[in-house]
Protein backbone atom coordinates (compact mmCIF):
# COMPACT_ATOMS: atom_id res chain seq x y z
CA UNK A 1 50.65 -70.36 8.45
CA UNK A 2 49.21 -69.03 11.62
CA UNK A 3 50.97 -65.73 11.00
CA UNK A 4 49.50 -65.53 7.54
CA UNK A 5 46.00 -66.20 8.83
CA UNK A 6 46.45 -63.57 11.54
CA UNK A 7 47.60 -60.97 9.00
CA UNK A 8 44.66 -61.86 6.77
CA UNK A 9 42.20 -61.51 9.69
CA UNK A 10 43.69 -58.15 10.70
CA UNK A 11 43.44 -56.86 7.10
CA UNK A 12 39.87 -58.09 6.88
CA UNK A 13 38.95 -56.38 10.18
CA UNK A 14 40.58 -53.08 9.09
CA UNK A 15 38.74 -53.23 5.75
CA UNK A 16 35.41 -53.80 7.48
CA UNK A 17 36.03 -50.88 9.90
CA UNK A 18 37.03 -48.51 7.04
CA UNK A 19 34.04 -49.57 4.94
CA UNK A 20 31.62 -49.14 7.87
CA UNK A 21 33.08 -45.72 8.73
CA UNK A 22 32.76 -44.49 5.15
CA UNK A 23 29.22 -45.82 4.88
CA UNK A 24 28.19 -44.10 8.13
CA UNK A 25 29.66 -40.73 7.08
CA UNK A 26 27.95 -41.02 3.68
CA UNK A 27 24.59 -41.72 5.32
CA UNK A 28 25.00 -38.74 7.65
CA UNK A 29 25.70 -36.44 4.72
CA UNK A 30 22.72 -37.78 2.85
CA UNK A 31 20.23 -37.32 5.71
CA UNK A 32 21.17 -34.59 8.19
CA UNK A 33 20.06 -35.12 11.75
CA UNK A 34 16.80 -33.57 12.81
CA UNK A 35 16.19 -31.01 15.57
CA UNK A 36 19.65 -29.52 15.53
CA UNK A 37 18.59 -25.92 14.80
CA UNK A 38 18.38 -23.51 17.70
CA UNK A 39 14.92 -22.30 16.59
CA UNK A 40 13.42 -25.61 17.72
CA UNK A 41 14.58 -25.21 21.31
CA UNK A 42 12.43 -23.67 24.00
CA UNK A 43 13.93 -21.15 26.39
CA UNK A 44 14.62 -22.39 29.87
CA UNK A 45 12.84 -19.47 31.52
CA UNK A 46 9.68 -17.51 30.69
CA UNK A 47 10.27 -14.15 29.00
CA UNK A 48 10.26 -11.17 31.31
CA UNK A 49 7.89 -8.21 31.17
CA UNK A 50 10.47 -6.05 29.37
CA UNK A 51 11.05 -8.73 26.73
CA UNK A 52 7.29 -9.06 26.17
CA UNK A 53 6.94 -5.28 25.78
CA UNK A 54 9.87 -5.24 23.35
CA UNK A 55 8.25 -8.01 21.29
CA UNK A 56 4.94 -6.11 21.25
CA UNK A 57 6.71 -2.92 20.13
CA UNK A 58 8.41 -4.81 17.30
CA UNK A 59 5.09 -6.31 16.20
CA UNK A 60 3.46 -2.86 16.34
CA UNK A 61 6.26 -1.34 14.25
CA UNK A 62 5.93 -4.10 11.66
CA UNK A 63 2.16 -3.62 11.55
CA UNK A 64 2.50 0.16 11.15
CA UNK A 65 5.08 -0.29 8.38
CA UNK A 66 2.75 -2.68 6.55
CA UNK A 67 -0.15 -0.23 6.91
CA UNK A 68 1.96 2.65 5.61
CA UNK A 69 3.07 0.57 2.64
CA UNK A 70 -0.55 -0.37 1.87
CA UNK A 71 -1.63 3.27 2.22
CA UNK A 72 1.15 4.36 -0.12
CA UNK A 73 0.15 1.77 -2.73
CA UNK A 74 -3.51 2.80 -2.49
CA UNK A 75 -2.57 6.47 -2.84
CA UNK A 76 -0.45 5.77 -5.92
CA UNK A 77 -3.25 3.71 -7.46
CA UNK A 78 -5.79 6.49 -6.80
CA UNK A 79 -3.42 9.02 -8.35
CA UNK A 80 -2.98 6.94 -11.52
CA UNK A 81 -6.75 6.49 -11.86
CA UNK A 82 -7.30 10.18 -11.19
CA UNK A 83 -4.76 11.24 -13.82
CA UNK A 84 -6.31 8.90 -16.39
CA UNK A 85 -9.78 10.36 -15.81
CA UNK A 86 -8.36 13.88 -15.78
CA UNK A 87 -6.66 13.45 -19.15
CA UNK A 88 -9.86 11.95 -20.59
CA UNK A 89 -11.87 14.86 -19.20
CA UNK A 90 -9.49 17.40 -20.73
CA UNK A 91 -9.98 15.76 -24.13
CA UNK A 92 -13.77 15.85 -24.03
CA UNK A 93 -15.35 17.43 -20.94
CA UNK A 94 -18.90 16.25 -20.36
CA UNK A 95 -21.29 16.46 -17.45
CA UNK A 96 -20.75 12.79 -16.57
CA UNK A 97 -16.96 12.78 -16.60
CA UNK A 98 -16.94 16.14 -14.77
CA UNK A 99 -18.87 14.53 -11.93
CA UNK A 100 -16.50 11.54 -11.97
CA UNK A 101 -13.47 13.84 -11.93
CA UNK A 102 -14.83 15.76 -8.94
CA UNK A 103 -15.54 12.53 -7.11
CA UNK A 104 -12.04 11.17 -7.71
CA UNK A 105 -10.50 14.49 -6.68
CA UNK A 106 -12.42 14.35 -3.40
CA UNK A 107 -11.43 10.71 -2.87
CA UNK A 108 -7.78 11.60 -3.37
CA UNK A 109 -8.08 13.33 0.02
CA UNK A 110 -6.05 16.39 -0.94
CA UNK A 111 -7.58 19.84 -0.60
CA UNK A 112 -5.02 21.38 -2.93
CA UNK A 113 -5.78 18.90 -5.72
CA UNK A 114 -9.51 19.46 -5.24
CA UNK A 115 -9.07 23.24 -5.41
CA UNK A 116 -6.93 22.89 -8.55
CA UNK A 117 -9.54 20.68 -10.24
CA UNK A 118 -12.31 23.05 -9.20
CA UNK A 119 -10.51 25.95 -10.85
CA UNK A 120 -9.91 23.91 -13.99
CA UNK A 121 -13.56 22.82 -14.21
CA UNK A 122 -14.86 26.36 -13.73
CA UNK A 123 -12.51 27.71 -16.39
CA UNK A 124 -13.66 25.06 -18.89
CA UNK A 125 -17.32 25.63 -17.92
CA UNK A 126 -16.97 29.40 -18.45
CA UNK A 127 -15.59 28.71 -21.93
CA UNK A 128 -18.83 26.80 -22.62
CA UNK A 129 -17.17 23.45 -23.22
CA UNK A 130 -19.30 21.49 -20.73
CA UNK A 131 -22.83 21.04 -22.06
CA UNK A 132 -25.96 20.42 -19.98
CA UNK A 133 -24.42 21.82 -16.80
CA UNK A 134 -25.95 24.95 -15.36
CA UNK A 135 -24.22 27.28 -12.91
CA UNK A 136 -26.51 26.11 -10.10
CA UNK A 137 -25.80 22.43 -10.86
CA UNK A 138 -22.07 23.08 -10.96
CA UNK A 139 -22.13 24.98 -7.67
CA UNK A 140 -24.04 22.13 -6.02
CA UNK A 141 -21.61 19.57 -7.41
CA UNK A 142 -18.60 21.52 -6.20
CA UNK A 143 -20.04 21.99 -2.73
CA UNK A 144 -21.26 18.43 -2.26
CA UNK A 145 -17.94 16.95 -3.37
CA UNK A 146 -16.06 19.45 -1.22
CA UNK A 147 -17.71 17.96 1.87
CA UNK A 148 -16.39 14.52 0.88
CA UNK A 149 -12.86 15.75 1.63
CA UNK A 150 -11.50 14.79 5.06
CA UNK A 151 -11.89 17.54 7.69
CA UNK A 152 -8.13 18.07 7.92
CA UNK A 153 -8.01 18.87 4.18
CA UNK A 154 -10.79 21.46 4.32
CA UNK A 155 -8.39 24.15 5.45
CA UNK A 156 -9.29 27.79 5.51
CA UNK A 157 -7.37 28.62 2.31
CA UNK A 158 -8.87 25.80 0.27
CA UNK A 159 -12.30 26.34 1.78
CA UNK A 160 -12.23 30.07 1.09
CA UNK A 161 -11.26 29.75 -2.58
CA UNK A 162 -13.83 27.05 -3.29
CA UNK A 163 -16.60 28.90 -1.45
CA UNK A 164 -15.79 32.04 -3.43
CA UNK A 165 -16.11 30.09 -6.69
CA UNK A 166 -19.38 28.53 -5.53
CA UNK A 167 -20.75 31.94 -4.51
CA UNK A 168 -19.78 33.33 -7.93
CA UNK A 169 -21.59 30.48 -9.67
CA UNK A 170 -24.70 31.01 -7.55
CA UNK A 171 -24.70 34.73 -8.35
CA UNK A 172 -24.44 33.90 -12.03
CA UNK A 173 -27.30 31.41 -11.67
CA UNK A 174 -29.53 34.04 -10.02
CA UNK A 175 -28.62 36.60 -12.69
CA UNK A 176 -29.56 34.15 -15.45
CA UNK A 177 -32.96 33.48 -13.85
């Protein structure tokens, strides 16, 4: 009888150990232990000067990349708006939308685009399609919007062609008077 009781006690003890072990492993799977990731640990030593400079360079590169991306998005948005106004102007050129087109062309910050728009506007104006816009008014508009371009975009080629057009308009204005 003693042997039977001993066997029963051993089986009971083994069952309790197996049950406890399974329960513990289940609880560990359910709730992982905290603070085991390496990102939570502090370094043992302060970073050196070279490491600090490397971190600053990485931050600067990330900042420059973000600025370039923002600049690219702004440029694309300006181009879409410009093209929409341009197509509307081509359909029905008026004094008001001519001024808006010139403004958007100058805000696009491209001397070549501004020169192209200037040529287009003058051609349409010479055909008499823009009402209530005299040669003197047009020359003043072209010149004032030209100075809105950034200095780097007012190159000699662009500047020369636009100034020639403005001078031609002013001559025409003086001939009409």
